[in-house]
Structure formats: C-alpha cells, structure tokens
Protein backbone atom coordinates (compact mmCIF):
# COMPACT_ATOMS: atom_id res chain seq x y z
CA MET A 1 15.88 -5.85 12.61
CA GLU A 2 12.80 -3.68 11.07
CA GLY A 3 11.01 -3.13 14.32
CA LYS A 4 14.67 -2.20 16.31
CA GLU A 5 15.21 0.41 13.24
CA HIS A 6 12.00 1.90 13.63
CA VAL A 7 12.35 2.39 17.68
CA ILE A 8 15.55 3.75 17.13
CA SER A 9 14.61 6.19 14.89
CA PHE A 10 11.61 7.15 17.04
CA LEU A 11 13.95 7.56 19.92
CA LYS A 12 16.33 9.49 17.80
CA LYS A 13 13.23 12.28 16.77
CA CYS A 14 12.30 12.65 20.56
CA ILE A 15 16.06 13.59 21.59
CA ASP A 16 15.96 16.01 18.52
CA TYR A 17 12.50 17.15 19.63
CA ALA A 18 14.01 17.67 23.18
CA ASN A 19 16.82 19.63 22.15
CA ALA A 20 14.49 22.17 20.27
CA SER A 21 12.25 22.54 23.34
CA ILE A 22 15.07 23.19 25.54
CA GLU A 23 16.51 25.90 23.08
CA ARG A 24 13.00 27.54 22.90
CA LYS A 25 12.42 27.60 26.65
CA GLN A 26 16.30 28.91 26.78
CA LYS A 27 15.21 31.95 24.61
CA ARG A 28 11.89 32.59 26.28
CA GLY A 29 13.48 32.56 29.97
CA GLU A 30 11.35 29.58 30.66
CA LEU A 31 14.35 28.02 32.77
CA ASP A 32 12.57 26.09 35.48
CA ASP A 33 11.45 23.53 32.85
CA ILE A 34 14.46 23.04 31.38
CA PRO A 35 16.09 20.44 34.05
CA LYS A 36 12.91 18.34 33.39
CA TRP A 37 13.50 18.25 29.56
CA GLU A 38 17.15 17.42 29.71
CA ALA A 39 16.57 14.33 32.18
CA TYR A 40 14.01 13.27 29.42
CA ARG A 41 16.87 13.93 26.78
CA ASP A 42 19.34 12.33 28.86
CA TYR A 43 17.28 9.34 29.57
CA THR A 44 15.97 8.76 26.06
CA ALA A 45 19.64 8.97 24.73
CA HIS A 46 20.61 6.18 27.35
CA ALA A 47 17.71 4.06 25.63
CA VAL A 48 18.83 4.68 22.15
CA MET A 49 22.31 3.41 23.24
CA GLU A 50 21.26 0.13 24.69
CA VAL A 51 18.91 -0.66 21.73
CA GLU A 52 21.71 -0.15 19.39
CA ALA A 53 24.14 -2.07 21.41
CA GLY A 54 21.64 -4.88 21.15
CA GLU A 55 20.90 -5.05 25.31
CA LEU A 56 17.19 -5.02 24.25
CA ASP A 57 17.04 -7.59 21.51
CA ARG A 58 14.96 -9.56 23.55
CA TRP A 59 12.22 -6.86 22.98
CA PHE A 60 12.33 -7.52 19.00
CA PRO A 61 11.66 -10.98 18.18
CA THR A 62 12.34 -12.16 14.66
CA GLY A 63 11.03 -14.04 12.08
CA LYS A 64 12.71 -17.64 11.42
CA ASN A 65 14.24 -19.01 7.98
CA LEU A 66 14.71 -22.29 7.10
CA SER A 67 17.93 -23.00 8.45
CA ASP A 68 16.59 -22.26 12.19
CA SER A 69 14.32 -25.40 12.28
CA GLU A 70 12.79 -28.52 10.73
CA VAL A 71 11.28 -27.73 7.33
CA SER A 72 7.38 -28.38 6.87
CA THR A 73 5.98 -28.96 3.44
CA ILE A 74 2.16 -27.94 2.75
CA PRO A 75 0.63 -29.06 -0.53
CA LEU A 76 -1.64 -26.21 -1.61
CA ASP A 77 -3.71 -28.55 -3.80
CA GLU A 78 -4.84 -30.05 -0.16
CA LEU A 79 -5.80 -26.64 1.50
CA SER A 80 -9.35 -25.37 1.16
CA HIS A 81 -9.60 -22.00 -0.89
CA GLU A 82 -9.82 -19.79 2.83
CA ALA A 83 -6.64 -21.59 3.82
CA ARG A 84 -4.85 -21.23 0.51
CA SER A 85 -5.87 -17.78 0.32
CA ALA A 86 -4.51 -16.64 3.88
CA TRP A 87 -1.24 -18.35 3.04
CA LEU A 88 -0.53 -16.89 -0.30
CA THR A 89 -1.69 -13.52 0.77
CA ASN A 90 0.41 -13.49 4.00
CA LEU A 91 3.54 -14.83 2.46
CA ALA A 92 3.66 -13.13 -0.73
CA SER A 93 3.28 -9.43 1.31
CA PRO A 94 2.69 -6.52 1.38
CA ARG A 95 1.42 -5.49 -1.85
CA PRO A 96 0.81 -2.28 -3.75
CA LEU A 97 -2.80 -1.29 -3.56
CA ALA A 98 -4.82 0.64 -6.14
CA LEU A 99 -8.29 1.88 -6.58
CA ILE A 100 -9.07 0.80 -10.29
CA ALA A 101 -11.79 3.44 -11.66
CA THR A 102 -13.67 2.46 -14.63
CA SER A 103 -16.85 3.51 -16.44
CA SER A 104 -20.03 1.90 -18.25
CA ASN A 105 -20.99 3.20 -21.55
CA ASP A 106 -23.54 4.86 -19.79
CA GLY A 107 -21.11 6.71 -17.80
CA ILE A 108 -21.52 5.25 -14.40
CA ARG A 109 -18.26 4.98 -12.94
CA ASN A 110 -17.04 2.09 -10.80
CA ILE A 111 -14.19 2.36 -8.13
CA ALA A 112 -12.76 -1.03 -6.39
CA PRO A 113 -9.55 -1.62 -4.56
CA TYR A 114 -7.20 -4.07 -6.10
CA THR A 115 -3.61 -5.99 -4.85
CA SER A 116 -3.70 -8.41 -7.76
CA LEU A 117 -1.89 -6.37 -10.05
CA SER A 118 1.78 -5.62 -11.10
CA ILE A 119 3.55 -3.84 -13.97
CA VAL A 120 5.26 -6.33 -16.12
CA SER A 121 6.68 -4.41 -18.63
CA ASN A 122 8.32 -0.94 -19.49
CA SER A 123 8.53 -0.88 -22.96
CA PRO A 124 6.12 -1.03 -23.86
CA PRO A 125 4.53 -0.34 -20.78
CA LEU A 126 2.15 -2.86 -19.34
CA ALA A 127 0.37 -4.06 -16.06
CA ILE A 128 -1.96 -6.85 -15.36
CA VAL A 129 -4.66 -7.28 -12.91
CA SER A 130 -6.42 -10.54 -12.29
CA LEU A 131 -10.18 -9.88 -12.18
CA SER A 132 -12.18 -12.78 -10.38
CA ALA A 133 -15.88 -13.93 -10.41
CA ASP A 134 -17.70 -14.47 -7.25
CA ARG A 135 -19.26 -17.35 -5.74
CA ASN A 136 -22.50 -16.68 -8.12
CA ASP A 137 -20.37 -16.44 -11.03
CA ARG A 138 -20.83 -12.75 -11.35
CA TRP A 139 -17.81 -10.97 -12.69
CA ARG A 140 -16.44 -7.95 -10.99
CA ASP A 141 -17.54 -4.29 -12.26
CA THR A 142 -13.92 -3.66 -13.31
CA LEU A 143 -13.91 -6.20 -16.00
CA LEU A 144 -17.69 -5.49 -17.13
CA ASN A 145 -16.79 -1.89 -17.43
CA LEU A 146 -13.11 -2.54 -19.24
CA ARG A 147 -15.38 -4.99 -22.02
CA GLN A 148 -17.61 -1.70 -22.73
CA ASN A 149 -15.22 0.68 -22.16
CA ASN A 150 -11.34 0.01 -22.18
CA SER A 151 -10.26 2.70 -20.00
CA ALA A 152 -9.20 2.34 -16.66
CA VAL A 153 -7.12 4.52 -14.08
CA LEU A 154 -4.92 3.21 -11.52
CA ASN A 155 -5.22 5.35 -8.44
CA PHE A 156 -2.35 4.77 -5.87
CA LEU A 157 -3.20 5.84 -2.39
CA PRO A 158 -1.31 7.82 0.20
CA ALA A 159 -0.93 6.09 3.39
CA SER A 160 -3.44 7.43 5.71
CA SER A 161 -6.37 6.52 7.85
CA ASP A 162 -8.43 8.30 5.25
CA ALA A 163 -7.19 6.45 2.34
CA ALA A 164 -7.56 3.20 4.26
CA SER A 165 -11.07 4.44 5.02
CA VAL A 166 -12.08 4.77 1.54
CA VAL A 167 -10.62 1.60 0.73
CA GLU A 168 -12.47 -0.09 3.17
CA GLN A 169 -15.79 1.89 1.71
CA THR A 170 -15.33 0.83 -1.90
CA ALA A 171 -14.02 -2.98 -1.20
CA LYS A 172 -17.98 -3.57 0.00
CA PRO A 173 -19.67 -5.08 -3.27
CA VAL A 174 -22.61 -2.87 -4.62
CA GLU A 175 -25.13 -3.62 -7.33
CA TYR A 176 -23.95 -3.07 -10.73
CA GLY A 177 -25.15 0.08 -11.86
CA THR A 178 -24.19 1.82 -8.49
CA SER A 179 -21.38 4.33 -8.49
CA GLU A 180 -19.25 4.05 -5.59
CA TRP A 181 -18.24 7.44 -6.53
CA ASP A 182 -21.48 8.81 -5.65
CA LEU A 183 -22.58 6.25 -3.01
CA PHE A 184 -19.23 7.08 -0.68
CA ASP A 185 -18.39 10.61 -2.17
CA VAL A 186 -15.14 9.89 -3.62
CA GLN A 187 -14.33 13.15 -5.48
CA SER A 188 -12.11 13.12 -8.80
CA LEU A 189 -10.31 16.00 -10.74
CA ASP A 190 -12.16 17.92 -12.95
CA SER A 191 -9.74 17.06 -15.88
CA ASN A 192 -10.45 13.40 -15.82
CA PRO A 193 -13.34 11.93 -13.66
CA LEU A 194 -11.85 8.78 -12.79
CA VAL A 195 -8.78 10.17 -11.11
CA MET A 196 -9.24 10.51 -7.65
CA LYS A 197 -8.47 14.14 -5.94
CA ASP A 198 -7.01 12.41 -3.08
CA ALA A 199 -4.44 9.93 -4.93
CA ALA A 200 -1.12 10.27 -4.17
CA PHE A 201 -0.74 9.51 -8.22
CA ALA A 202 -2.27 7.98 -11.02
CA ILE A 203 -1.92 5.55 -13.73
CA LEU A 204 -4.18 5.49 -17.22
CA GLY A 205 -4.35 2.58 -19.12
CA GLU A 206 -6.33 0.65 -21.77
CA LEU A 207 -7.50 -3.15 -21.82
CA ILE A 208 -5.29 -4.96 -24.77
CA GLU A 209 -6.07 -8.39 -23.88
CA GLU A 210 -8.27 -10.71 -21.90
CA VAL A 211 -6.56 -13.87 -20.87
CA ASP A 212 -8.28 -16.87 -19.30
CA LEU A 213 -6.79 -18.34 -16.01
CA GLN A 214 -6.52 -21.99 -16.42
CA ASP A 215 -9.09 -23.61 -13.83
CA ALA A 216 -9.56 -20.46 -12.49
CA LYS A 217 -13.04 -18.07 -11.88
CA ALA A 218 -10.41 -15.38 -12.99
CA LYS A 219 -9.37 -13.34 -15.85
CA LEU A 220 -6.39 -11.54 -16.55
CA ALA A 221 -6.57 -8.21 -17.96
CA ILE A 222 -3.45 -6.89 -19.62
CA LEU A 223 -3.46 -2.85 -19.53
CA LYS A 224 -1.12 -0.66 -21.61
CA LEU A 225 -0.15 2.21 -19.89
CA THR A 226 -0.70 5.36 -21.23
CA GLU A 227 -0.09 8.56 -18.99
CA VAL A 228 0.88 9.23 -15.32
CA VAL A 229 -0.64 11.80 -13.14
CA ILE A 230 1.36 13.35 -10.72
CA PRO A 231 1.67 16.14 -8.43
CA SER A 232 3.93 18.96 -9.53
CA GLU A 233 6.59 18.43 -6.97
CA MET A 234 6.63 14.71 -7.43
CA ASP A 235 10.30 13.33 -7.97
CA GLY A 236 10.27 10.31 -10.33
CA LEU A 237 13.67 9.00 -9.51
CA GLN A 238 12.74 8.42 -5.73
CA PRO A 239 10.03 5.56 -4.60
CA ALA A 240 6.43 6.95 -3.76
CA HIS A 241 5.02 6.52 -0.42
CA LEU A 242 2.19 4.04 -0.76
CA LEU A 243 -0.59 2.66 0.96
CA CYS A 244 -0.18 -1.45 0.64
CA GLN A 245 -1.96 -4.49 1.99
CA HIS A 246 -0.39 -6.35 4.24
CA GLY A 247 -1.61 -10.07 4.71
CA LEU A 248 -5.21 -10.45 4.62
CA ASN A 249 -6.71 -6.87 5.72
CA ARG A 250 -3.81 -4.96 7.10
CA LEU A 251 -3.49 -1.81 5.50
CA MET A 252 0.07 -0.10 5.87
CA ALA A 253 2.64 2.75 4.57
CA THR A 254 5.47 1.18 2.43
CA PRO A 255 8.80 2.01 2.20
CA THR A 256 9.26 1.43 5.60
CA GLU A 257 12.44 2.93 7.86
CA TRP A 258 14.82 -0.16 7.03
CA HIS A 259 15.99 -0.45 3.48
CA TYR A 260 19.13 -1.74 1.72
CA ASN A 261 20.29 -0.46 -1.84
CA ILE A 262 21.50 -3.06 -4.33
CA ASP A 263 23.73 -2.37 -7.58
CA ARG A 264 20.95 -2.71 -9.97
CA SER A 265 17.19 -2.92 -10.36
CA VAL A 266 15.56 -6.34 -10.10
C-alpha cells in the first residue's frame, strides 16, 4: 500500500525531527518549549502505531485487481485516438522521461521531451525511441536532425519542479530552425553542447537504423549508446532517482518509497 508507506515514512521523520529539536533546546536551556515538542512527538508516535496496525486503512484506498469484480474488455481499435492514448498512457505508467537533444548540420540545437523510449539491449547497448509526425504530417525535429546528424543525447532529469518546468517549456511546438536551448535558456556543458547542465545524467547515442511502424504515423529510431555522462559521485550499482511521466501529463519522481527486491533482473 504505497500511500500508507509514504505516510509512515513521513511521520517517522517528524518524530526524528522532534527528538532532535528537544535535544537542541535542552542544550540551549530553552526548557519551556520542550513539553510542546514532547506532546507533538508522542501524538505522532501514536499515529504511526495506528497506521502500522491497520486501524486507519480506510484512509488509504487501493486499486482493484481482476479478481475483485467483473471483468470488462475494451477493444482498442474501436476507441478514438484520444481515448486510446489515455488508456494506454495511464495503464503503462509511469515511464522514464528524457529530454533528447539533437543538432542540425547547421548547428541549430533542438531539445524535446520523450517517454516513448526504452533501453532494449545491453550487449550491444541499444535504445529505441518512437518519433511521430503531427497532424500535418510534419516529422519531429528530433528525427529530422537525426537524419542529418546521427548523434543524440538522452538527458535524464532529477525530480524537481525546475526540471518539470523545463519539460513543460520544451514540449511546446516551435518552428523548425528555432532552438529551444536559446528560446528557453537551457544551459549545456562546455564539453558537450547537447548535454544539459541540470541533467541528473546523460546517455549519448548514434542513430543506426530507422524502422517504419506499420499503419502508424511514427518511426522507430534505434540508437547505439556510446557513452554515459554522470556526476563523479554517482553510484552505478544503485537505481537513479529520476523525473518520470505518470499518466498523460503528471510528472513525478521515481523510485517511490515502496520497493521489493527480487532475486534477478527482469
């Protein structure tokens, strides 16, 4: 019960903070404030006990599974584009989000958010990303640039409101030949003009194949990954904390507090 775990974790942090505050006030001789902090700590500890015991489970509704009710079937071909997009986006969620940076042969840089991407092979290291055309059959600037200059950088972002704001800005369509980097003042590393300064890390890749998706106004770009750009203190043995998209338009952090370790990767 993910929401329940979040509440328990938060309340325990409140207790730790209260104990630290009591200790500081004792050292400073501010004894008059201590009873209020002790009462706050004790009430919070009691709340933790009630939540952990399940006495407040009614506060934490859970999603149903297929065994809980009658099963419905929705034929995807019978849905409108908007309805189908809503269902598939909300079901297969959350998804890691990357700002993919490319450049034209004229040196005009583009950057745009994508969640339709996945790393599909470790040896060789390969990623795929779906690049669509708009309603006017105009291909994404990312694809146009990859056709000119096959290099791309996947900029993965930290979970922060500043990063989310950059995603919101760069998601807006702009005329081809206009650089989002300049338009929205996105800063890059001196060592690589396609790596964002504010990225959590970046993965460099090269387009090796472009595949038509049957009956779709989209191409599948296959990228061979060549380098990873990381902060010096980053631990490659631990999963990264990233900004993800959950549903159609909600940006959020992952991983969450709840987790379960399995014996092998999937």
